C-alpha atoms as a PDB file:
ATOM      1  CA  MET A   1      22.265 -40.677   4.929  1.00  0.00           C
ATOM      2  CA  LEU A   2      19.883 -39.373   7.760  1.00  0.00           C
ATOM      3  CA  GLY A   3      18.495 -36.221   8.028  1.00  0.00           C
ATOM      4  CA  ALA A   4      17.790 -33.689   6.066  1.00  0.00           C
ATOM      5  CA  SER A   5      19.436 -31.651   2.953  1.00  0.00           C
ATOM      6  CA  PRO A   6      21.427 -28.150   3.333  1.00  0.00           C
ATOM      7  CA  GLY A   7      19.005 -27.360   0.734  1.00  0.00           C
ATOM      8  CA  GLN A   8      15.808 -28.000   2.988  1.00  0.00           C
ATOM      9  CA  ILE A   9      17.099 -26.428   6.018  1.00  0.00           C
ATOM     10  CA  VAL A  10      18.190 -23.845   3.989  1.00  0.00           C
ATOM     11  CA  PHE A  11      14.182 -23.443   2.692  1.00  0.00           C
ATOM     12  CA  THR A  12      12.940 -23.869   6.533  1.00  0.00           C
ATOM     13  CA  LEU A  13      15.007 -21.366   7.900  1.00  0.00           C
ATOM     14  CA  SER A  14      14.593 -18.961   5.004  1.00  0.00           C
ATOM     15  CA  LYS A  15      11.185 -19.214   5.282  1.00  0.00           C
ATOM     16  CA  LEU A  16      10.377 -17.192   7.988  1.00  0.00           C
ATOM     17  CA  PHE A  17      12.115 -14.013   7.165  1.00  0.00           C
ATOM     18  CA  LEU A  18      11.281 -14.160   3.642  1.00  0.00           C
ATOM     19  CA  ILE A  19       6.995 -13.973   5.296  1.00  0.00           C
ATOM     20  CA  LEU A  20       8.700 -10.827   7.819  1.00  0.00           C
ATOM     21  CA  ILE A  21      10.424  -9.277   4.839  1.00  0.00           C
ATOM     22  CA  GLY A  22       7.348  -9.993   2.463  1.00  0.00           C
ATOM     23  CA  VAL A  23       5.381  -7.606   5.142  1.00  0.00           C
ATOM     24  CA  ALA A  24       8.035  -5.113   5.695  1.00  0.00           C
ATOM     25  CA  VAL A  25       7.475  -4.351   2.129  1.00  0.00           C
ATOM     26  CA  LEU A  26       4.018  -4.246   1.852  1.00  0.00           C
ATOM     27  CA  ILE A  27       4.002  -1.625   5.210  1.00  0.00           C
ATOM     28  CA  GLY A  28       6.979   0.762   4.002  1.00  0.00           C
ATOM     29  CA  VAL A  29       5.941   0.796  -0.132  1.00  0.00           C
ATOM     30  CA  PRO A  30       2.783   2.984   0.763  1.00  0.00           C
ATOM     31  CA  VAL A  31       3.929   4.828   4.547  1.00  0.00           C
ATOM     32  CA  GLY A  32       7.232   5.759   1.969  1.00  0.00           C
ATOM     33  CA  TYR A  33       5.099   6.974  -0.625  1.00  0.00           C
ATOM     34  CA  PHE A  34       2.835   8.939   1.527  1.00  0.00           C
ATOM     35  CA  LEU A  35       5.642  10.179   3.515  1.00  0.00           C
ATOM     36  CA  GLY A  36       8.025  11.306   0.878  1.00  0.00           C
ATOM     37  CA  ASP A  37       5.158  12.840  -1.388  1.00  0.00           C
ATOM     38  CA  LEU A  38       4.436  14.614   1.997  1.00  0.00           C
ATOM     39  CA  PHE A  39       8.293  15.799   2.515  1.00  0.00           C
ATOM     40  CA  ILE A  40       8.344  16.889  -1.267  1.00  0.00           C
ATOM     41  CA  SER A  41       5.531  18.596  -1.302  1.00  0.00           C
ATOM     42  CA  ASN A  42       6.859  21.623   0.715  1.00  0.00           C
ATOM     43  CA  TYR A  43       9.819  22.208  -2.273  1.00  0.00           C
ATOM     44  CA  ALA A  44       9.136  24.934  -5.261  1.00  0.00           C
ATOM     45  CA  TYR A  45      11.138  22.495  -7.221  1.00  0.00           C
ATOM     46  CA  ARG A  46       9.518  18.812  -6.719  1.00  0.00           C
ATOM     47  CA  ILE A  47       9.555  15.509  -8.254  1.00  0.00           C
ATOM     48  CA  VAL A  48       7.195  12.275  -8.951  1.00  0.00           C
ATOM     49  CA  ILE A  49       7.485   9.620  -6.733  1.00  0.00           C
ATOM     50  CA  THR A  50       6.724   7.316  -9.459  1.00  0.00           C
ATOM     51  CA  PRO A  51       5.572   3.594  -8.244  1.00  0.00           C
ATOM     52  CA  TRP A  52       8.571   2.496 -10.032  1.00  0.00           C
ATOM     53  CA  LEU A  53      11.175   4.410  -7.636  1.00  0.00           C
ATOM     54  CA  LEU A  54       9.646   2.580  -4.693  1.00  0.00           C
ATOM     55  CA  LEU A  55       9.059  -1.108  -5.677  1.00  0.00           C
ATOM     56  CA  SER A  56      13.100  -0.855  -6.558  1.00  0.00           C
ATOM     57  CA  GLY A  57      13.670   0.403  -3.753  1.00  0.00           C
ATOM     58  CA  ALA A  58      12.234  -2.460  -2.222  1.00  0.00           C
ATOM     59  CA  THR A  59      13.305  -5.110  -4.965  1.00  0.00           C
ATOM     60  CA  ILE A  60      16.738  -4.126  -3.680  1.00  0.00           C
ATOM     61  CA  LEU A  61      16.287  -4.044  -0.172  1.00  0.00           C
ATOM     62  CA  SER A  62      14.380  -7.546  -0.664  1.00  0.00           C
ATOM     63  CA  LEU A  63      17.499  -9.178  -2.638  1.00  0.00           C
ATOM     64  CA  LEU A  64      20.177  -7.848  -0.151  1.00  0.00           C
ATOM     65  CA  GLY A  65      17.927  -9.710   2.529  1.00  0.00           C
ATOM     66  CA  ILE A  66      17.786 -12.773   0.549  1.00  0.00           C
ATOM     67  CA  ILE A  67      21.300 -12.898  -0.295  1.00  0.00           C
ATOM     68  CA  THR A  68      21.697 -12.318   3.382  1.00  0.00           C
ATOM     69  CA  ILE A  69      19.625 -14.675   4.465  1.00  0.00           C
ATOM     70  CA  SER A  70      20.774 -17.389   2.268  1.00  0.00           C
ATOM     71  CA  THR A  71      24.550 -17.186   2.743  1.00  0.00           C
ATOM     72  CA  GLN A  72      24.080 -17.240   6.822  1.00  0.00           C
ATOM     73  CA  THR A  73      21.435 -20.125   6.828  1.00  0.00           C
ATOM     74  CA  MET A  74      24.254 -22.141   3.878  1.00  0.00           C
ATOM     75  CA  SER A  75      27.066 -21.969   6.525  1.00  0.00           C
ATOM     76  CA  ALA A  76      24.807 -23.142   9.361  1.00  0.00           C
ATOM     77  CA  ALA A  77      23.288 -26.000   7.002  1.00  0.00           C
ATOM     78  CA  ARG A  78      26.437 -27.117   6.087  1.00  0.00           C
ATOM     79  CA  SER A  79      28.029 -26.558   9.402  1.00  0.00           C
ATOM     80  CA  ASN A  80      29.144 -30.230  11.734  1.00  0.00           C
ATOM     81  CA  PRO A  81      26.340 -30.225  14.743  1.00  0.00           C
ATOM     82  CA  VAL A  82      29.187 -32.000  16.549  1.00  0.00           C
ATOM     83  CA  ASN A  83      31.587 -29.077  16.404  1.00  0.00           C
ATOM     84  CA  ALA A  84      28.846 -26.665  18.236  1.00  0.00           C
ATOM     85  CA  LEU A  85      27.737 -29.117  20.655  1.00  0.00           C
ATOM     86  CA  ARG A  86      31.819 -29.691  21.596  1.00  0.00           C
ATOM     87  CA  ALA A  87      31.640 -26.149  22.501  1.00  0.00           C
ATOM     88  CA  GLU A  88      29.224 -26.026  24.657  1.00  0.00           C
END
């Protein structure tokens, strides 16, 4: 069989998006902590923003991104390229 396997195609297409998600998390977590702490400091009854709170949110968003990217790239990898060329 010639060409790449669907797993190789998914990995190649997903790699850049996963790097972008990682960079977004690295930028968003400190900014979210700072802005959340600044916003909450104006209230008399405050909660403490713990790192676990921010990391759990970042983990959930990363998992949703990975699931979305993987399903889209899997459907693109499994599709027949001849059908796409016929449509053009």
